[in-house]
Every structure is written in C-alpha cells, then in structure tokens.
Amino acid sequence: MLLALARRLRHPPATDQPSRQHGDTPDTAGEVVCIDCTATSLDRRDARLLAVAAVPLRGNRLLTSQALHLSVDPAWPRALPPLDAAAQLLRYIGQRPLVGYYLDFDFALLAPLFSALLGHPLPNRGIDVSALYYARRVRGRPVSGPDDLRFETIRRDLGLPALSGRSALSHAVLAGLMYLKLSTPDRPTPGDEPP
C-alpha cells in the first residue's frame, strides 16, 4: 500500500485538461475576489508594485485558505517577475468581480501588466469598499462635511479587528470583511442612526 502511494506521488496521473486562461475558471458564480496591492509609493505616477494578494469570498465566507499572495519585490528571495505574477493573478481571479479599498490605485498599478498580457486593461468589475461605506454613511442624512474614508477609520467604524502587519494579504482580508459588513442590509453600522 505504501509502495503504491509512493508511485502515485512520484508519477502523478497525466491530465488532458488544458491550462486555464483568463476567464476559464471553474464554477465561481456568486464569488468575488478581494484584492490589495502594496507599492513603493501612494503616488500613481511613480509607484512600483511590490506585492499583490487576493482572497476569494463566496456567499458570506472569506476563503483565506485559498488566498494568493505574490511578491514582485526584488529584495525578496522568492519574488516573481511582475509579468509572471500578473499572469498567475489573472488565472486566479478569472472573471469574478474584484473588491478592495481604493481600487483605482490597485488597477493603475496592475494596468500595464494586464495590458501587456491581454492587450487591454482588466475587464473585471470593481467594487470599492470606501464607496460602499460612503453610500451607507450618507444614506438618509444630509452630508455635513467631508467624511473620513481612510482605511483605518472604516475598519474601526465597522468594528473589525486590526490585523497584525500591513501586508497586501491582511488588507485584502480586511477589505473582504468590510465588504461583508457593508453588503449586509440588516446590520446597521455605527453612524447609521438618524441624527
């Protein structure tokens, strides 16, 4: 029995399944992918991608065991070339909508890589949790001034835990938790009470 197991591990069965391309993902209906990028700067003009993380969300479950975390920072020993990381990310996300905080920045960082691979920008729909938060805050009340839409402010207001570190993965997980809180209509969040 152990010999048979060793043979199977040494010689996995051949598969006739072709490698998947962008959009050829298995059944992912009802899923979104929570994404975050880390960069050298927050200025889009000179920011360089360092890492990207993605975590699928199915229904009301954040599937952290299926998370993808890729580094392209040359200072890291296992860093990938940026185009290789973008290709892995494309296969991972498929055509699922993307959820994140300040997605325009992440899309701007990834756009040149996706354009090089696809010939066009990423077509996936984006859902920005700061926009959801803002819509929830101003619903039913007049806007009295600028709202604080910083990541930490939203996290605290929604009563979410602070995760250790400031990695792309921890921010993708928190963006997913924010999305869950903000997309559940029956759960009032702090600040929703009428004045």
N, C-alpha and C. Protein backbone atom coordinates (compact mmCIF):
# COMPACT_ATOMS: atom_id res chain seq x y z
N MET A 1 0.82 -1.18 0.00
CA MET A 1 0.00 0.00 0.00
C MET A 1 0.87 1.26 0.00
N LEU A 2 1.89 1.31 0.84
CA LEU A 2 2.78 2.47 0.86
C LEU A 2 3.55 2.60 -0.45
N LEU A 3 3.90 1.47 -1.04
CA LEU A 3 4.61 1.49 -2.31
C LEU A 3 3.73 2.10 -3.40
N ALA A 4 2.45 1.74 -3.42
CA ALA A 4 1.52 2.29 -4.41
C ALA A 4 1.36 3.80 -4.22
N LEU A 5 1.28 4.25 -2.98
CA LEU A 5 1.16 5.67 -2.69
C LEU A 5 2.41 6.41 -3.14
N ALA A 6 3.57 5.84 -2.88
CA ALA A 6 4.83 6.46 -3.30
C ALA A 6 4.89 6.58 -4.82
N ARG A 7 4.43 5.54 -5.54
CA ARG A 7 4.42 5.58 -7.01
C ARG A 7 3.50 6.70 -7.51
N ARG A 8 2.33 6.82 -6.90
CA ARG A 8 1.39 7.86 -7.33
C ARG A 8 1.96 9.26 -7.08
N LEU A 9 2.65 9.42 -5.97
CA LEU A 9 3.25 10.73 -5.67
C LEU A 9 4.39 11.05 -6.62
N ARG A 10 5.17 10.02 -6.96
CA ARG A 10 6.30 10.20 -7.87
C ARG A 10 5.83 10.43 -9.30
N HIS A 11 4.77 9.76 -9.69
CA HIS A 11 4.26 9.83 -11.06
C HIS A 11 2.77 10.17 -11.02
N PRO A 12 2.43 11.44 -10.87
CA PRO A 12 1.02 11.79 -10.81
C PRO A 12 0.33 11.45 -12.13
N PRO A 13 -0.96 11.15 -12.10
CA PRO A 13 -1.65 10.79 -13.32
C PRO A 13 -1.63 11.94 -14.32
N ALA A 14 -1.48 11.59 -15.58
CA ALA A 14 -1.47 12.61 -16.63
C ALA A 14 -2.87 13.19 -16.76
N THR A 15 -2.93 14.45 -17.06
CA THR A 15 -4.23 15.08 -17.24
C THR A 15 -4.33 15.62 -18.65
N ASP A 16 -5.51 15.52 -19.22
CA ASP A 16 -5.69 16.06 -20.57
C ASP A 16 -6.37 17.42 -20.52
N GLN A 17 -6.46 18.01 -19.33
CA GLN A 17 -7.06 19.33 -19.22
C GLN A 17 -6.06 20.38 -19.65
N PRO A 18 -6.48 21.28 -20.55
CA PRO A 18 -5.57 22.35 -20.96
C PRO A 18 -5.38 23.34 -19.82
N SER A 19 -4.28 24.07 -19.87
CA SER A 19 -4.08 25.08 -18.83
C SER A 19 -5.14 26.17 -19.01
N ARG A 20 -5.60 26.74 -17.89
CA ARG A 20 -6.68 27.71 -17.95
C ARG A 20 -6.14 29.07 -18.36
N GLN A 21 -6.97 29.79 -19.08
CA GLN A 21 -6.69 31.16 -19.47
C GLN A 21 -7.60 32.08 -18.67
N HIS A 22 -7.39 33.40 -18.79
CA HIS A 22 -8.24 34.36 -18.09
C HIS A 22 -9.69 34.13 -18.49
N GLY A 23 -10.55 33.93 -17.49
CA GLY A 23 -11.96 33.74 -17.76
C GLY A 23 -12.38 32.29 -17.82
N ASP A 24 -11.44 31.35 -17.86
CA ASP A 24 -11.76 29.93 -17.94
C ASP A 24 -11.75 29.30 -16.56
N THR A 25 -12.22 30.01 -15.55
CA THR A 25 -12.17 29.50 -14.19
C THR A 25 -13.29 28.49 -13.95
N PRO A 26 -13.11 27.61 -12.99
CA PRO A 26 -14.19 26.69 -12.65
C PRO A 26 -15.38 27.46 -12.10
N ASP A 27 -16.43 26.78 -11.72
CA ASP A 27 -17.66 27.41 -11.26
C ASP A 27 -17.38 28.37 -10.11
N THR A 28 -17.47 29.65 -10.41
CA THR A 28 -17.22 30.68 -9.39
C THR A 28 -18.39 31.64 -9.29
N ALA A 29 -19.57 31.20 -9.72
CA ALA A 29 -20.76 32.05 -9.65
C ALA A 29 -21.00 32.47 -8.20
N GLY A 30 -21.33 33.72 -8.02
CA GLY A 30 -21.60 34.22 -6.68
C GLY A 30 -20.36 34.56 -5.89
N GLU A 31 -19.21 34.49 -6.49
CA GLU A 31 -17.96 34.81 -5.79
C GLU A 31 -17.44 36.17 -6.22
N VAL A 32 -16.71 36.80 -5.33
CA VAL A 32 -15.91 37.97 -5.64
C VAL A 32 -14.50 37.67 -5.14
N VAL A 33 -13.54 38.45 -5.60
CA VAL A 33 -12.17 38.30 -5.13
C VAL A 33 -11.75 39.61 -4.49
N CYS A 34 -11.32 39.53 -3.24
CA CYS A 34 -10.83 40.69 -2.50
C CYS A 34 -9.35 40.83 -2.81
N ILE A 35 -8.95 42.02 -3.19
CA ILE A 35 -7.59 42.22 -3.70
C ILE A 35 -6.95 43.44 -3.04
N ASP A 36 -5.63 43.39 -2.90
CA ASP A 36 -4.88 44.55 -2.44
C ASP A 36 -3.46 44.47 -2.99
N CYS A 37 -2.90 45.63 -3.27
CA CYS A 37 -1.51 45.73 -3.74
C CYS A 37 -0.72 46.59 -2.77
N THR A 38 0.55 46.27 -2.62
CA THR A 38 1.45 47.17 -1.91
C THR A 38 2.42 47.73 -2.94
N ALA A 39 2.84 48.96 -2.71
CA ALA A 39 3.68 49.65 -3.69
C ALA A 39 4.74 50.48 -2.98
N THR A 40 5.67 50.97 -3.76
CA THR A 40 6.75 51.78 -3.22
C THR A 40 6.28 53.16 -2.78
N SER A 41 5.12 53.59 -3.29
CA SER A 41 4.61 54.92 -3.02
C SER A 41 3.10 54.92 -3.22
N LEU A 42 2.43 55.94 -2.72
CA LEU A 42 1.00 56.08 -2.98
C LEU A 42 0.73 57.04 -4.13
N ASP A 43 1.79 57.52 -4.76
CA ASP A 43 1.66 58.40 -5.93
C ASP A 43 1.65 57.51 -7.18
N ARG A 44 0.53 57.51 -7.88
CA ARG A 44 0.38 56.63 -9.05
C ARG A 44 1.45 56.83 -10.11
N ARG A 45 1.95 58.06 -10.23
CA ARG A 45 2.91 58.35 -11.30
C ARG A 45 4.23 57.63 -11.13
N ASP A 46 4.67 57.44 -9.88
CA ASP A 46 5.98 56.80 -9.71
C ASP A 46 5.93 55.55 -8.82
N ALA A 47 4.73 55.10 -8.48
CA ALA A 47 4.60 53.89 -7.64
C ALA A 47 5.00 52.66 -8.43
N ARG A 48 5.68 51.75 -7.75
CA ARG A 48 6.08 50.47 -8.34
C ARG A 48 5.49 49.36 -7.49
N LEU A 49 4.89 48.38 -8.14
CA LEU A 49 4.25 47.27 -7.46
C LEU A 49 5.28 46.45 -6.68
N LEU A 50 4.96 46.12 -5.42
CA LEU A 50 5.82 45.26 -4.61
C LEU A 50 5.19 43.90 -4.34
N ALA A 51 3.88 43.90 -4.10
CA ALA A 51 3.18 42.63 -3.81
C ALA A 51 1.70 42.79 -4.12
N VAL A 52 1.07 41.67 -4.38
CA VAL A 52 -0.38 41.64 -4.61
C VAL A 52 -0.94 40.42 -3.90
N ALA A 53 -2.11 40.60 -3.31
CA ALA A 53 -2.78 39.49 -2.62
C ALA A 53 -4.24 39.47 -3.05
N ALA A 54 -4.79 38.27 -3.10
CA ALA A 54 -6.19 38.09 -3.47
C ALA A 54 -6.79 36.97 -2.63
N VAL A 55 -8.02 37.19 -2.17
CA VAL A 55 -8.73 36.21 -1.34
C VAL A 55 -10.15 36.08 -1.88
N PRO A 56 -10.59 34.87 -2.21
CA PRO A 56 -11.96 34.72 -2.69
C PRO A 56 -12.98 34.84 -1.56
N LEU A 57 -14.14 35.34 -1.92
CA LEU A 57 -15.25 35.46 -0.98
C LEU A 57 -16.46 34.80 -1.64
N ARG A 58 -16.98 33.78 -1.00
CA ARG A 58 -18.14 33.05 -1.52
C ARG A 58 -19.28 33.17 -0.51
N GLY A 59 -20.38 33.77 -0.96
CA GLY A 59 -21.50 33.99 -0.04
C GLY A 59 -21.06 34.92 1.08
N ASN A 60 -21.12 34.43 2.30
CA ASN A 60 -20.66 35.24 3.43
C ASN A 60 -19.39 34.67 4.05
N ARG A 61 -18.63 33.91 3.24
CA ARG A 61 -17.40 33.28 3.75
C ARG A 61 -16.17 33.79 2.99
N LEU A 62 -15.22 34.27 3.74
CA LEU A 62 -13.94 34.68 3.20
C LEU A 62 -13.04 33.45 3.22
N LEU A 63 -12.61 32.99 2.06
CA LEU A 63 -11.87 31.73 1.94
C LEU A 63 -10.37 31.97 2.04
N THR A 64 -9.90 32.29 3.24
CA THR A 64 -8.49 32.64 3.43
C THR A 64 -7.55 31.48 3.13
N SER A 65 -8.04 30.25 3.24
CA SER A 65 -7.17 29.10 2.93
C SER A 65 -6.87 29.02 1.44
N GLN A 66 -7.62 29.75 0.62
CA GLN A 66 -7.39 29.74 -0.82
C GLN A 66 -6.75 31.05 -1.29
N ALA A 67 -6.20 31.81 -0.37
CA ALA A 67 -5.62 33.11 -0.71
C ALA A 67 -4.39 32.96 -1.60
N LEU A 68 -4.17 34.00 -2.39
CA LEU A 68 -2.98 34.09 -3.25
C LEU A 68 -2.19 35.31 -2.79
N HIS A 69 -0.90 35.14 -2.56
CA HIS A 69 -0.05 36.26 -2.14
C HIS A 69 1.23 36.18 -2.95
N LEU A 70 1.47 37.18 -3.79
CA LEU A 70 2.62 37.17 -4.69
C LEU A 70 3.49 38.41 -4.46
N SER A 71 4.78 38.19 -4.36
CA SER A 71 5.72 39.29 -4.21
C SER A 71 6.48 39.49 -5.52
N VAL A 72 6.63 40.75 -5.90
CA VAL A 72 7.45 41.08 -7.07
C VAL A 72 8.61 41.99 -6.65
N ASP A 73 8.76 42.16 -5.35
CA ASP A 73 9.82 43.00 -4.80
C ASP A 73 11.16 42.28 -4.97
N PRO A 74 12.08 42.84 -5.75
CA PRO A 74 13.36 42.17 -5.98
C PRO A 74 14.17 41.95 -4.70
N ALA A 75 13.83 42.64 -3.62
CA ALA A 75 14.54 42.45 -2.35
C ALA A 75 14.17 41.12 -1.69
N TRP A 76 13.07 40.51 -2.10
CA TRP A 76 12.64 39.22 -1.54
C TRP A 76 13.22 38.08 -2.34
N PRO A 77 13.70 37.05 -1.66
CA PRO A 77 14.34 35.94 -2.38
C PRO A 77 13.41 35.17 -3.32
N ARG A 78 12.13 35.08 -3.00
CA ARG A 78 11.20 34.32 -3.84
C ARG A 78 10.32 35.21 -4.72
N ALA A 79 10.78 36.41 -4.98
CA ALA A 79 9.98 37.34 -5.78
C ALA A 79 9.85 36.83 -7.21
N LEU A 80 8.69 37.08 -7.78
CA LEU A 80 8.42 36.70 -9.17
C LEU A 80 8.65 37.90 -10.08
N PRO A 81 8.97 37.64 -11.34
CA PRO A 81 8.94 38.75 -12.30
C PRO A 81 7.51 39.29 -12.37
N PRO A 82 7.34 40.60 -12.49
CA PRO A 82 5.99 41.18 -12.47
C PRO A 82 5.01 40.55 -13.47
N LEU A 83 5.45 40.26 -14.69
CA LEU A 83 4.54 39.65 -15.67
C LEU A 83 4.11 38.25 -15.26
N ASP A 84 5.00 37.49 -14.64
CA ASP A 84 4.63 36.16 -14.15
C ASP A 84 3.59 36.26 -13.03
N ALA A 85 3.79 37.21 -12.14
CA ALA A 85 2.83 37.41 -11.05
C ALA A 85 1.47 37.84 -11.61
N ALA A 86 1.49 38.74 -12.60
CA ALA A 86 0.22 39.19 -13.19
C ALA A 86 -0.49 38.04 -13.90
N ALA A 87 0.26 37.17 -14.56
CA ALA A 87 -0.35 36.01 -15.23
C ALA A 87 -0.99 35.07 -14.21
N GLN A 88 -0.30 34.83 -13.09
CA GLN A 88 -0.88 34.00 -12.02
C GLN A 88 -2.14 34.64 -11.45
N LEU A 89 -2.08 35.94 -11.25
CA LEU A 89 -3.23 36.66 -10.71
C LEU A 89 -4.42 36.58 -11.67
N LEU A 90 -4.16 36.74 -12.96
CA LEU A 90 -5.24 36.65 -13.96
C LEU A 90 -5.91 35.29 -13.92
N ARG A 91 -5.12 34.23 -13.87
CA ARG A 91 -5.69 32.88 -13.81
C ARG A 91 -6.50 32.70 -12.53
N TYR A 92 -6.02 33.28 -11.46
CA TYR A 92 -6.67 33.13 -10.16
C TYR A 92 -8.02 33.84 -10.10
N ILE A 93 -8.07 35.09 -10.57
CA ILE A 93 -9.30 35.87 -10.43
C ILE A 93 -10.34 35.55 -11.49
N GLY A 94 -9.90 35.10 -12.66
CA GLY A 94 -10.86 34.81 -13.72
C GLY A 94 -11.70 36.03 -14.04
N GLN A 95 -13.01 35.83 -14.13
CA GLN A 95 -13.91 36.94 -14.47
C GLN A 95 -14.70 37.43 -13.26
N ARG A 96 -14.29 37.01 -12.08
CA ARG A 96 -15.01 37.41 -10.87
C ARG A 96 -14.81 38.90 -10.60
N PRO A 97 -15.83 39.56 -10.04
CA PRO A 97 -15.67 40.96 -9.64
C PRO A 97 -14.59 41.08 -8.56
N LEU A 98 -13.94 42.23 -8.54
CA LEU A 98 -12.87 42.49 -7.57
C LEU A 98 -13.35 43.48 -6.51
N VAL A 99 -13.03 43.19 -5.27
CA VAL A 99 -13.39 44.03 -4.13
C VAL A 99 -12.10 44.52 -3.50
N GLY A 100 -12.07 45.79 -3.14
CA GLY A 100 -10.89 46.31 -2.47
C GLY A 100 -11.11 47.72 -1.97
N TYR A 101 -10.08 48.24 -1.35
CA TYR A 101 -10.09 49.61 -0.86
C TYR A 101 -9.25 50.45 -1.81
N TYR A 102 -9.81 51.55 -2.30
CA TYR A 102 -9.14 52.43 -3.25
C TYR A 102 -8.65 51.61 -4.45
N LEU A 103 -9.59 50.92 -5.08
CA LEU A 103 -9.27 50.03 -6.20
C LEU A 103 -8.65 50.74 -7.39
N ASP A 104 -8.96 52.03 -7.57
CA ASP A 104 -8.37 52.75 -8.69
C ASP A 104 -6.85 52.70 -8.63
N PHE A 105 -6.31 52.79 -7.43
CA PHE A 105 -4.85 52.73 -7.27
C PHE A 105 -4.32 51.35 -7.65
N ASP A 106 -4.99 50.30 -7.15
CA ASP A 106 -4.55 48.93 -7.48
C ASP A 106 -4.66 48.67 -8.98
N PHE A 107 -5.76 49.11 -9.59
CA PHE A 107 -5.93 48.92 -11.03
C PHE A 107 -4.85 49.68 -11.80
N ALA A 108 -4.49 50.89 -11.34
CA ALA A 108 -3.45 51.67 -12.01
C ALA A 108 -2.10 50.96 -11.93
N LEU A 109 -1.80 50.34 -10.79
CA LEU A 109 -0.54 49.59 -10.65
C LEU A 109 -0.50 48.37 -11.57
N LEU A 110 -1.64 47.70 -11.69
CA LEU A 110 -1.69 46.45 -12.44
C LEU A 110 -1.98 46.64 -13.93
N ALA A 111 -2.51 47.79 -14.32
CA ALA A 111 -2.92 48.02 -15.70
C ALA A 111 -1.83 47.76 -16.74
N PRO A 112 -0.60 48.26 -16.54
CA PRO A 112 0.42 47.99 -17.56
C PRO A 112 0.72 46.49 -17.73
N LEU A 113 0.68 45.76 -16.63
CA LEU A 113 0.95 44.32 -16.69
C LEU A 113 -0.19 43.58 -17.39
N PHE A 114 -1.43 43.93 -17.03
CA PHE A 114 -2.58 43.28 -17.67
C PHE A 114 -2.65 43.64 -19.15
N SER A 115 -2.34 44.88 -19.49
CA SER A 115 -2.34 45.29 -20.89
C SER A 115 -1.30 44.52 -21.69
N ALA A 116 -0.14 44.28 -21.07
CA ALA A 116 0.91 43.51 -21.76
C ALA A 116 0.47 42.07 -21.99
N LEU A 117 -0.30 41.51 -21.07
CA LEU A 117 -0.73 40.12 -21.18
C LEU A 117 -2.00 39.96 -22.02
N LEU A 118 -2.94 40.87 -21.85
CA LEU A 118 -4.25 40.74 -22.51
C LEU A 118 -4.40 41.62 -23.74
N GLY A 119 -3.59 42.65 -23.82
CA GLY A 119 -3.75 43.61 -24.90
C GLY A 119 -4.75 44.71 -24.55
N HIS A 120 -5.30 44.67 -23.35
CA HIS A 120 -6.25 45.67 -22.88
C HIS A 120 -6.28 45.62 -21.35
N PRO A 121 -6.85 46.65 -20.72
CA PRO A 121 -6.94 46.63 -19.26
C PRO A 121 -7.85 45.50 -18.77
N LEU A 122 -7.76 45.20 -17.52
CA LEU A 122 -8.58 44.16 -16.92
C LEU A 122 -10.06 44.54 -17.01
N PRO A 123 -10.91 43.65 -17.56
CA PRO A 123 -12.32 43.99 -17.73
C PRO A 123 -13.20 43.73 -16.50
N ASN A 124 -12.65 43.17 -15.46
CA ASN A 124 -13.45 42.80 -14.29
C ASN A 124 -14.08 44.03 -13.64
N ARG A 125 -15.28 43.83 -13.12
CA ARG A 125 -15.97 44.89 -12.38
C ARG A 125 -15.27 45.08 -11.05
N GLY A 126 -15.17 46.32 -10.61
CA GLY A 126 -14.55 46.63 -9.33
C GLY A 126 -15.57 47.17 -8.34
N ILE A 127 -15.44 46.75 -7.09
CA ILE A 127 -16.33 47.22 -6.02
C ILE A 127 -15.43 47.80 -4.93
N ASP A 128 -15.49 49.12 -4.76
CA ASP A 128 -14.62 49.78 -3.79
C ASP A 128 -15.34 49.90 -2.45
N VAL A 129 -14.75 49.35 -1.39
CA VAL A 129 -15.41 49.36 -0.08
C VAL A 129 -15.55 50.78 0.48
N SER A 130 -14.66 51.69 0.09
CA SER A 130 -14.81 53.07 0.59
C SER A 130 -16.05 53.71 -0.02
N ALA A 131 -16.39 53.38 -1.26
CA ALA A 131 -17.61 53.90 -1.88
C ALA A 131 -18.85 53.30 -1.22
N LEU A 132 -18.80 52.01 -0.89
CA LEU A 132 -19.92 51.38 -0.18
C LEU A 132 -20.10 52.02 1.19
N TYR A 133 -18.99 52.26 1.87
CA TYR A 133 -19.03 52.87 3.20
C TYR A 133 -19.63 54.27 3.12
N TYR A 134 -19.17 55.05 2.15
CA TYR A 134 -19.67 56.41 1.99
C TYR A 134 -21.18 56.40 1.70
N ALA A 135 -21.61 55.51 0.81
CA ALA A 135 -23.04 55.41 0.48
C ALA A 135 -23.86 55.04 1.72
N ARG A 136 -23.35 54.16 2.53
CA ARG A 136 -24.06 53.75 3.75
C ARG A 136 -24.11 54.90 4.74
N ARG A 137 -23.02 55.66 4.85
CA ARG A 137 -22.96 56.76 5.82
C ARG A 137 -23.91 57.90 5.46
N VAL A 138 -24.03 58.21 4.18
CA VAL A 138 -24.83 59.38 3.79
C VAL A 138 -26.27 59.03 3.48
N ARG A 139 -26.61 57.75 3.46
CA ARG A 139 -27.99 57.35 3.16
C ARG A 139 -28.93 57.92 4.21
N GLY A 140 -29.89 58.70 3.75
CA GLY A 140 -30.92 59.19 4.66
C GLY A 140 -30.52 60.38 5.51
N ARG A 141 -29.36 60.95 5.28
CA ARG A 141 -29.00 62.13 6.07
C ARG A 141 -28.21 63.09 5.19
N PRO A 142 -28.33 64.37 5.44
CA PRO A 142 -27.57 65.33 4.63
C PRO A 142 -26.07 65.23 4.93
N VAL A 143 -25.28 65.47 3.92
CA VAL A 143 -23.83 65.45 4.11
C VAL A 143 -23.43 66.77 4.74
N SER A 144 -22.81 66.71 5.91
CA SER A 144 -22.47 67.93 6.65
C SER A 144 -21.01 68.33 6.47
N GLY A 145 -20.26 67.57 5.76
CA GLY A 145 -18.85 67.87 5.55
C GLY A 145 -18.16 66.65 5.00
N PRO A 146 -16.88 66.76 4.78
CA PRO A 146 -16.18 65.60 4.22
C PRO A 146 -16.13 64.45 5.21
N ASP A 147 -16.46 63.26 4.72
CA ASP A 147 -16.35 62.06 5.56
C ASP A 147 -14.92 61.56 5.54
N ASP A 148 -14.53 60.94 6.61
CA ASP A 148 -13.20 60.35 6.72
C ASP A 148 -13.26 58.95 6.12
N LEU A 149 -12.66 58.76 4.97
CA LEU A 149 -12.71 57.48 4.26
C LEU A 149 -11.39 56.72 4.34
N ARG A 150 -10.58 57.04 5.33
CA ARG A 150 -9.32 56.30 5.48
C ARG A 150 -9.60 54.85 5.87
N PHE A 151 -8.72 53.97 5.46
CA PHE A 151 -8.86 52.53 5.69
C PHE A 151 -9.08 52.23 7.18
N GLU A 152 -8.23 52.79 8.02
CA GLU A 152 -8.32 52.53 9.46
C GLU A 152 -9.62 53.07 10.07
N THR A 153 -10.08 54.21 9.57
CA THR A 153 -11.34 54.77 10.06
C THR A 153 -12.50 53.85 9.73
N ILE A 154 -12.54 53.35 8.50
CA ILE A 154 -13.61 52.44 8.09
C ILE A 154 -13.54 51.16 8.92
N ARG A 155 -12.33 50.64 9.10
CA ARG A 155 -12.16 49.40 9.88
C ARG A 155 -12.70 49.58 11.29
N ARG A 156 -12.31 50.68 11.93
CA ARG A 156 -12.77 50.94 13.31
C ARG A 156 -14.28 51.14 13.36
N ASP A 157 -14.81 51.95 12.45
CA ASP A 157 -16.24 52.23 12.43
C ASP A 157 -17.08 50.96 12.25
N LEU A 158 -16.57 50.01 11.50
CA LEU A 158 -17.30 48.77 11.26
C LEU A 158 -17.06 47.74 12.37
N GLY A 159 -16.20 48.08 13.33
CA GLY A 159 -15.95 47.18 14.45
C GLY A 159 -15.13 45.96 14.07
N LEU A 160 -14.26 46.12 13.08
CA LEU A 160 -13.43 45.00 12.63
C LEU A 160 -12.10 44.99 13.39
N PRO A 161 -11.52 43.81 13.57
CA PRO A 161 -10.26 43.73 14.30
C PRO A 161 -9.10 44.28 13.48
N ALA A 162 -8.10 44.76 14.16
CA ALA A 162 -6.87 45.17 13.48
C ALA A 162 -6.04 43.91 13.27
N LEU A 163 -5.61 43.68 12.06
CA LEU A 163 -4.76 42.52 11.79
C LEU A 163 -3.30 42.95 11.90
N SER A 164 -2.47 42.04 12.36
CA SER A 164 -1.06 42.39 12.52
C SER A 164 -0.42 42.58 11.16
N GLY A 165 0.45 43.53 11.09
CA GLY A 165 1.17 43.80 9.85
C GLY A 165 0.36 44.62 8.87
N ARG A 166 1.03 45.16 7.91
CA ARG A 166 0.37 45.95 6.87
C ARG A 166 0.65 45.32 5.52
N SER A 167 0.45 44.03 5.43
CA SER A 167 0.72 43.33 4.18
C SER A 167 -0.47 43.44 3.24
N ALA A 168 -0.21 43.14 1.97
CA ALA A 168 -1.29 43.11 0.99
C ALA A 168 -2.33 42.08 1.39
N LEU A 169 -1.89 40.96 1.94
CA LEU A 169 -2.82 39.90 2.34
C LEU A 169 -3.74 40.35 3.47
N SER A 170 -3.18 41.00 4.50
CA SER A 170 -4.03 41.45 5.61
C SER A 170 -5.02 42.51 5.14
N HIS A 171 -4.61 43.38 4.22
CA HIS A 171 -5.52 44.40 3.70
C HIS A 171 -6.59 43.78 2.81
N ALA A 172 -6.25 42.75 2.03
CA ALA A 172 -7.25 42.07 1.21
C ALA A 172 -8.29 41.39 2.10
N VAL A 173 -7.83 40.76 3.18
CA VAL A 173 -8.75 40.11 4.12
C VAL A 173 -9.67 41.15 4.77
N LEU A 174 -9.10 42.26 5.23
CA LEU A 174 -9.92 43.31 5.85
C LEU A 174 -10.89 43.93 4.84
N ALA A 175 -10.46 44.12 3.60
CA ALA A 175 -11.37 44.64 2.57
C ALA A 175 -12.54 43.68 2.39
N GLY A 176 -12.27 42.38 2.44
CA GLY A 176 -13.34 41.39 2.34
C GLY A 176 -14.29 41.47 3.52
N LEU A 177 -13.75 41.63 4.72
CA LEU A 177 -14.60 41.77 5.91
C LEU A 177 -15.43 43.05 5.85
N MET A 178 -14.82 44.13 5.36
CA MET A 178 -15.56 45.39 5.19
C MET A 178 -16.72 45.18 4.21
N TYR A 179 -16.42 44.52 3.10
CA TYR A 179 -17.45 44.25 2.08
C TYR A 179 -18.60 43.45 2.68
N LEU A 180 -18.28 42.43 3.45
CA LEU A 180 -19.33 41.62 4.08
C LEU A 180 -20.21 42.47 5.00
N LYS A 181 -19.59 43.31 5.81
CA LYS A 181 -20.35 44.17 6.73
C LYS A 181 -21.21 45.17 5.96
N LEU A 182 -20.64 45.74 4.90
CA LEU A 182 -21.35 46.80 4.17
C LEU A 182 -22.39 46.28 3.20
N SER A 183 -22.29 45.03 2.81
CA SER A 183 -23.26 44.50 1.84
C SER A 183 -24.37 43.71 2.51
N THR A 184 -24.37 43.66 3.84
CA THR A 184 -25.44 43.01 4.58
C THR A 184 -26.42 44.09 5.03
N PRO A 185 -27.61 44.15 4.40
CA PRO A 185 -28.51 45.27 4.67
C PRO A 185 -29.12 45.31 6.06
N ASP A 186 -29.24 44.19 6.72
CA ASP A 186 -29.91 44.17 8.02
C ASP A 186 -29.00 44.49 9.19
N ARG A 187 -27.74 44.77 8.94
CA ARG A 187 -26.80 45.07 10.03
C ARG A 187 -26.46 46.54 10.04
N PRO A 188 -27.03 47.31 10.94
CA PRO A 188 -26.65 48.72 10.98
C PRO A 188 -25.20 48.87 11.44
N THR A 189 -24.53 49.82 10.85
CA THR A 189 -23.15 50.09 11.25
C THR A 189 -23.14 51.39 12.05
N PRO A 190 -22.11 51.61 12.85
CA PRO A 190 -22.03 52.86 13.61
C PRO A 190 -22.15 54.06 12.67
N GLY A 191 -22.89 55.04 13.08
CA GLY A 191 -23.08 56.23 12.26
C GLY A 191 -24.32 56.16 11.39
N ASP A 192 -24.98 54.98 11.34
CA ASP A 192 -26.19 54.84 10.53
C ASP A 192 -27.43 55.38 11.23
N GLU A 193 -27.34 55.60 12.53
CA GLU A 193 -28.51 56.06 13.27
C GLU A 193 -28.88 57.46 12.79
N PRO A 194 -30.18 57.75 12.73
CA PRO A 194 -30.58 59.10 12.33
C PRO A 194 -30.13 60.12 13.37
N PRO A 195 -29.87 61.36 12.94
CA PRO A 195 -29.41 62.39 13.89
C PRO A 195 -30.46 62.76 14.89
